[in-house]
Amino acid sequence: MATVTAIKVNTRFLSRIASIGLTPGCRIKVLRNDRHQPILLYGRDSMIAVNRR
């Protein structure tokens, strides 16, 4: 488990992840971190795939 401390992204992406509850202070778990695929995160009863680019 980890805690989100800051989010440094463009406004559009920030709005999308904030709407599902992934904000600073949120506890998250990395479910998958394969080299060539998006990172799969779980936090506040939501899963989100984050592209590496």
PDB file of N, CA and C in Angstrom:
ATOM      1  N   MET A   1       0.845  -1.182   0.000  1.00  0.00           N
ATOM      2  CA  MET A   1       0.000   0.000   0.000  1.00  0.00           C
ATOM      3  C   MET A   1       0.884   1.237   0.000  1.00  0.00           C
ATOM      4  N   ALA A   2       0.357   2.289  -0.589  1.00  0.00           N
ATOM      5  CA  ALA A   2       1.056   3.571  -0.652  1.00  0.00           C
ATOM      6  C   ALA A   2       0.021   4.680  -0.487  1.00  0.00           C
ATOM      7  N   THR A   3       0.506   5.875  -0.222  1.00  0.00           N
ATOM      8  CA  THR A   3      -0.366   7.036  -0.099  1.00  0.00           C
ATOM      9  C   THR A   3       0.000   8.042  -1.169  1.00  0.00           C
ATOM     10  N   VAL A   4      -1.004   8.544  -1.874  1.00  0.00           N
ATOM     11  CA  VAL A   4      -0.784   9.580  -2.885  1.00  0.00           C
ATOM     12  C   VAL A   4      -0.412  10.865  -2.149  1.00  0.00           C
ATOM     13  N   THR A   5       0.749  11.433  -2.480  1.00  0.00           N
ATOM     14  CA  THR A   5       1.171  12.673  -1.826  1.00  0.00           C
ATOM     15  C   THR A   5       0.974  13.889  -2.711  1.00  0.00           C
ATOM     16  N   ALA A   6       1.093  13.718  -4.020  1.00  0.00           N
ATOM     17  CA  ALA A   6       0.899  14.827  -4.959  1.00  0.00           C
ATOM     18  C   ALA A   6       0.559  14.250  -6.324  1.00  0.00           C
ATOM     19  N   ILE A   7      -0.138  15.045  -7.117  1.00  0.00           N
ATOM     20  CA  ILE A   7      -0.482  14.638  -8.477  1.00  0.00           C
ATOM     21  C   ILE A   7      -0.074  15.772  -9.400  1.00  0.00           C
ATOM     22  N   LYS A   8       0.899  15.494 -10.269  1.00  0.00           N
ATOM     23  CA  LYS A   8       1.418  16.515 -11.182  1.00  0.00           C
ATOM     24  C   LYS A   8       1.122  16.095 -12.615  1.00  0.00           C
ATOM     25  N   VAL A   9      -0.064  16.445 -13.078  1.00  0.00           N
ATOM     26  CA  VAL A   9      -0.518  16.093 -14.423  1.00  0.00           C
ATOM     27  C   VAL A   9      -1.306  17.255 -15.002  1.00  0.00           C
ATOM     28  N   ASN A  10      -1.730  17.096 -16.264  1.00  0.00           N
ATOM     29  CA  ASN A  10      -2.538  18.156 -16.863  1.00  0.00           C
ATOM     30  C   ASN A  10      -3.932  18.182 -16.239  1.00  0.00           C
ATOM     31  N   THR A  11      -4.628  19.292 -16.407  1.00  0.00           N
ATOM     32  CA  THR A  11      -5.922  19.516 -15.770  1.00  0.00           C
ATOM     33  C   THR A  11      -6.965  18.475 -16.162  1.00  0.00           C
ATOM     34  N   ARG A  12      -6.978  18.068 -17.409  1.00  0.00           N
ATOM     35  CA  ARG A  12      -7.967  17.094 -17.872  1.00  0.00           C
ATOM     36  C   ARG A  12      -7.819  15.761 -17.140  1.00  0.00           C
ATOM     37  N   PHE A  13      -6.589  15.261 -17.038  1.00  0.00           N
ATOM     38  CA  PHE A  13      -6.360  13.992 -16.347  1.00  0.00           C
ATOM     39  C   PHE A  13      -6.651  14.133 -14.858  1.00  0.00           C
ATOM     40  N   LEU A  14      -6.255  15.238 -14.256  1.00  0.00           N
ATOM     41  CA  LEU A  14      -6.499  15.462 -12.829  1.00  0.00           C
ATOM     42  C   LEU A  14      -7.994  15.430 -12.527  1.00  0.00           C
ATOM     43  N   SER A  15      -8.781  16.042 -13.371  1.00  0.00           N
ATOM     44  CA  SER A  15     -10.232  16.047 -13.192  1.00  0.00           C
ATOM     45  C   SER A  15     -10.797  14.631 -13.242  1.00  0.00           C
ATOM     46  N   ARG A  16     -10.297  13.827 -14.162  1.00  0.00           N
ATOM     47  CA  ARG A  16     -10.799  12.450 -14.307  1.00  0.00           C
ATOM     48  C   ARG A  16     -10.464  11.588 -13.095  1.00  0.00           C
ATOM     49  N   ILE A  17      -9.228  11.652 -12.606  1.00  0.00           N
ATOM     50  CA  ILE A  17      -8.880  10.786 -11.474  1.00  0.00           C
ATOM     51  C   ILE A  17      -9.469  11.305 -10.163  1.00  0.00           C
ATOM     52  N   ALA A  18      -9.626  12.616 -10.037  1.00  0.00           N
ATOM     53  CA  ALA A  18     -10.262  13.170  -8.841  1.00  0.00           C
ATOM     54  C   ALA A  18     -11.727  12.751  -8.769  1.00  0.00           C
ATOM     55  N   SER A  19     -12.381  12.623  -9.914  1.00  0.00           N
ATOM     56  CA  SER A  19     -13.797  12.243  -9.936  1.00  0.00           C
ATOM     57  C   SER A  19     -14.030  10.821  -9.429  1.00  0.00           C
ATOM     58  N   ILE A  20     -13.011   9.966  -9.483  1.00  0.00           N
ATOM     59  CA  ILE A  20     -13.166   8.615  -8.933  1.00  0.00           C
ATOM     60  C   ILE A  20     -12.519   8.483  -7.555  1.00  0.00           C
ATOM     61  N   GLY A  21     -12.044   9.602  -7.011  1.00  0.00           N
ATOM     62  CA  GLY A  21     -11.561   9.596  -5.637  1.00  0.00           C
ATOM     63  C   GLY A  21     -10.070   9.447  -5.442  1.00  0.00           C
ATOM     64  N   LEU A  22      -9.289   9.416  -6.508  1.00  0.00           N
ATOM     65  CA  LEU A  22      -7.838   9.317  -6.344  1.00  0.00           C
ATOM     66  C   LEU A  22      -7.269  10.723  -6.197  1.00  0.00           C
ATOM     67  N   THR A  23      -7.121  11.143  -4.963  1.00  0.00           N
ATOM     68  CA  THR A  23      -6.656  12.483  -4.625  1.00  0.00           C
ATOM     69  C   THR A  23      -5.511  12.377  -3.618  1.00  0.00           C
ATOM     70  N   PRO A  24      -4.764  13.457  -3.388  1.00  0.00           N
ATOM     71  CA  PRO A  24      -3.716  13.405  -2.366  1.00  0.00           C
ATOM     72  C   PRO A  24      -4.289  12.948  -1.017  1.00  0.00           C
ATOM     73  N   GLY A  25      -3.585  12.029  -0.391  1.00  0.00           N
ATOM     74  CA  GLY A  25      -4.030  11.446   0.869  1.00  0.00           C
ATOM     75  C   GLY A  25      -4.708  10.097   0.700  1.00  0.00           C
ATOM     76  N   CYS A  26      -5.063   9.747  -0.514  1.00  0.00           N
ATOM     77  CA  CYS A  26      -5.727   8.475  -0.812  1.00  0.00           C
ATOM     78  C   CYS A  26      -4.726   7.325  -0.700  1.00  0.00           C
ATOM     79  N   ARG A  27      -5.155   6.230  -0.096  1.00  0.00           N
ATOM     80  CA  ARG A  27      -4.336   5.021  -0.030  1.00  0.00           C
ATOM     81  C   ARG A  27      -4.582   4.216  -1.299  1.00  0.00           C
ATOM     82  N   ILE A  28      -3.498   3.797  -1.965  1.00  0.00           N
ATOM     83  CA  ILE A  28      -3.619   3.019  -3.197  1.00  0.00           C
ATOM     84  C   ILE A  28      -2.763   1.764  -3.111  1.00  0.00           C
ATOM     85  N   LYS A  29      -3.099   0.812  -3.955  1.00  0.00           N
ATOM     86  CA  LYS A  29      -2.325  -0.424  -4.066  1.00  0.00           C
ATOM     87  C   LYS A  29      -2.025  -0.643  -5.538  1.00  0.00           C
ATOM     88  N   VAL A  30      -0.791  -0.994  -5.856  1.00  0.00           N
ATOM     89  CA  VAL A  30      -0.416  -1.320  -7.233  1.00  0.00           C
ATOM     90  C   VAL A  30      -0.781  -2.781  -7.470  1.00  0.00           C
ATOM     91  N   LEU A  31      -1.704  -3.009  -8.395  1.00  0.00           N
ATOM     92  CA  LEU A  31      -2.141  -4.370  -8.704  1.00  0.00           C
ATOM     93  C   LEU A  31      -1.297  -5.016  -9.790  1.00  0.00           C
ATOM     94  N   ARG A  32      -0.829  -4.201 -10.748  1.00  0.00           N
ATOM     95  CA  ARG A  32       0.009  -4.731 -11.831  1.00  0.00           C
ATOM     96  C   ARG A  32       0.972  -3.650 -12.285  1.00  0.00           C
ATOM     97  N   ASN A  33       2.225  -4.032 -12.465  1.00  0.00           N
ATOM     98  CA  ASN A  33       3.257  -3.098 -12.900  1.00  0.00           C
ATOM     99  C   ASN A  33       4.192  -3.805 -13.884  1.00  0.00           C
ATOM    100  N   ASP A  34       3.618  -4.251 -15.002  1.00  0.00           N
ATOM    101  CA  ASP A  34       4.414  -4.883 -16.053  1.00  0.00           C
ATOM    102  C   ASP A  34       5.092  -3.808 -16.885  1.00  0.00           C
ATOM    103  N   ARG A  35       6.228  -4.113 -17.445  1.00  0.00           N
ATOM    104  CA  ARG A  35       7.024  -3.115 -18.173  1.00  0.00           C
ATOM    105  C   ARG A  35       6.331  -2.502 -19.378  1.00  0.00           C
ATOM    106  N   HIS A  36       5.606  -3.286 -20.144  1.00  0.00           N
ATOM    107  CA  HIS A  36       5.066  -2.807 -21.415  1.00  0.00           C
ATOM    108  C   HIS A  36       3.561  -2.567 -21.381  1.00  0.00           C
ATOM    109  N   GLN A  37       2.986  -2.514 -20.211  1.00  0.00           N
ATOM    110  CA  GLN A  37       1.545  -2.312 -20.080  1.00  0.00           C
ATOM    111  C   GLN A  37       1.285  -1.184 -19.091  1.00  0.00           C
ATOM    112  N   PRO A  38       0.075  -0.621 -19.109  1.00  0.00           N
ATOM    113  CA  PRO A  38      -0.250   0.422 -18.128  1.00  0.00           C
ATOM    114  C   PRO A  38      -0.160  -0.117 -16.700  1.00  0.00           C
ATOM    115  N   ILE A  39       0.103   0.768 -15.759  1.00  0.00           N
ATOM    116  CA  ILE A  39       0.126   0.407 -14.341  1.00  0.00           C
ATOM    117  C   ILE A  39      -1.320   0.334 -13.867  1.00  0.00           C
ATOM    118  N   LEU A  40      -1.685  -0.732 -13.175  1.00  0.00           N
ATOM    119  CA  LEU A  40      -3.039  -0.903 -12.670  1.00  0.00           C
ATOM    120  C   LEU A  40      -3.045  -0.597 -11.179  1.00  0.00           C
ATOM    121  N   LEU A  41      -3.829   0.408 -10.783  1.00  0.00           N
ATOM    122  CA  LEU A  41      -3.907   0.853  -9.396  1.00  0.00           C
ATOM    123  C   LEU A  41      -5.292   0.584  -8.826  1.00  0.00           C
ATOM    124  N   TYR A  42      -5.357   0.399  -7.502  1.00  0.00           N
ATOM    125  CA  TYR A  42      -6.629   0.232  -6.811  1.00  0.00           C
ATOM    126  C   TYR A  42      -6.650   1.180  -5.626  1.00  0.00           C
ATOM    127  N   GLY A  43      -7.701   1.964  -5.525  1.00  0.00           N
ATOM    128  CA  GLY A  43      -7.850   2.868  -4.394  1.00  0.00           C
ATOM    129  C   GLY A  43      -9.276   3.362  -4.291  1.00  0.00           C
ATOM    130  N   ARG A  44      -9.788   3.459  -3.075  1.00  0.00           N
ATOM    131  CA  ARG A  44     -11.160   3.932  -2.817  1.00  0.00           C
ATOM    132  C   ARG A  44     -12.191   3.208  -3.675  1.00  0.00           C
ATOM    133  N   ASP A  45     -12.098   1.892  -3.682  1.00  0.00           N
ATOM    134  CA  ASP A  45     -13.047   1.031  -4.400  1.00  0.00           C
ATOM    135  C   ASP A  45     -13.079   1.257  -5.907  1.00  0.00           C
ATOM    136  N   SER A  46     -11.986   1.726  -6.471  1.00  0.00           N
ATOM    137  CA  SER A  46     -11.896   1.928  -7.921  1.00  0.00           C
ATOM    138  C   SER A  46     -10.573   1.388  -8.434  1.00  0.00           C
ATOM    139  N   MET A  47     -10.595   0.866  -9.664  1.00  0.00           N
ATOM    140  CA  MET A  47      -9.366   0.477 -10.338  1.00  0.00           C
ATOM    141  C   MET A  47      -9.127   1.454 -11.473  1.00  0.00           C
ATOM    142  N   ILE A  48      -7.866   1.822 -11.658  1.00  0.00           N
ATOM    143  CA  ILE A  48      -7.522   2.735 -12.741  1.00  0.00           C
ATOM    144  C   ILE A  48      -6.244   2.244 -13.395  1.00  0.00           C
ATOM    145  N   ALA A  49      -6.229   2.260 -14.721  1.00  0.00           N
ATOM    146  CA  ALA A  49      -5.037   1.908 -15.489  1.00  0.00           C
ATOM    147  C   ALA A  49      -4.376   3.209 -15.924  1.00  0.00           C
ATOM    148  N   VAL A  50      -3.106   3.375 -15.582  1.00  0.00           N
ATOM    149  CA  VAL A  50      -2.369   4.600 -15.892  1.00  0.00           C
ATOM    150  C   VAL A  50      -1.306   4.282 -16.933  1.00  0.00           C
ATOM    151  N   ASN A  51      -1.401   4.959 -18.076  1.00  0.00           N
ATOM    152  CA  ASN A  51      -0.425   4.770 -19.143  1.00  0.00           C
ATOM    153  C   ASN A  51       0.929   5.322 -18.702  1.00  0.00           C
ATOM    154  N   ARG A  52       1.992   4.748 -19.164  1.00  0.00           N
ATOM    155  CA  ARG A  52       3.335   5.169 -18.756  1.00  0.00           C
ATOM    156  C   ARG A  52       3.827   6.419 -19.468  1.00  0.00           C
ATOM    157  N   ARG A  53       3.181   6.860 -20.531  1.00  0.00           N
ATOM    158  CA  ARG A  53       3.641   8.042 -21.265  1.00  0.00           C
ATOM    159  C   ARG A  53       3.199   9.309 -20.618  1.00  0.00           C
TER     160      ARG A  53
END
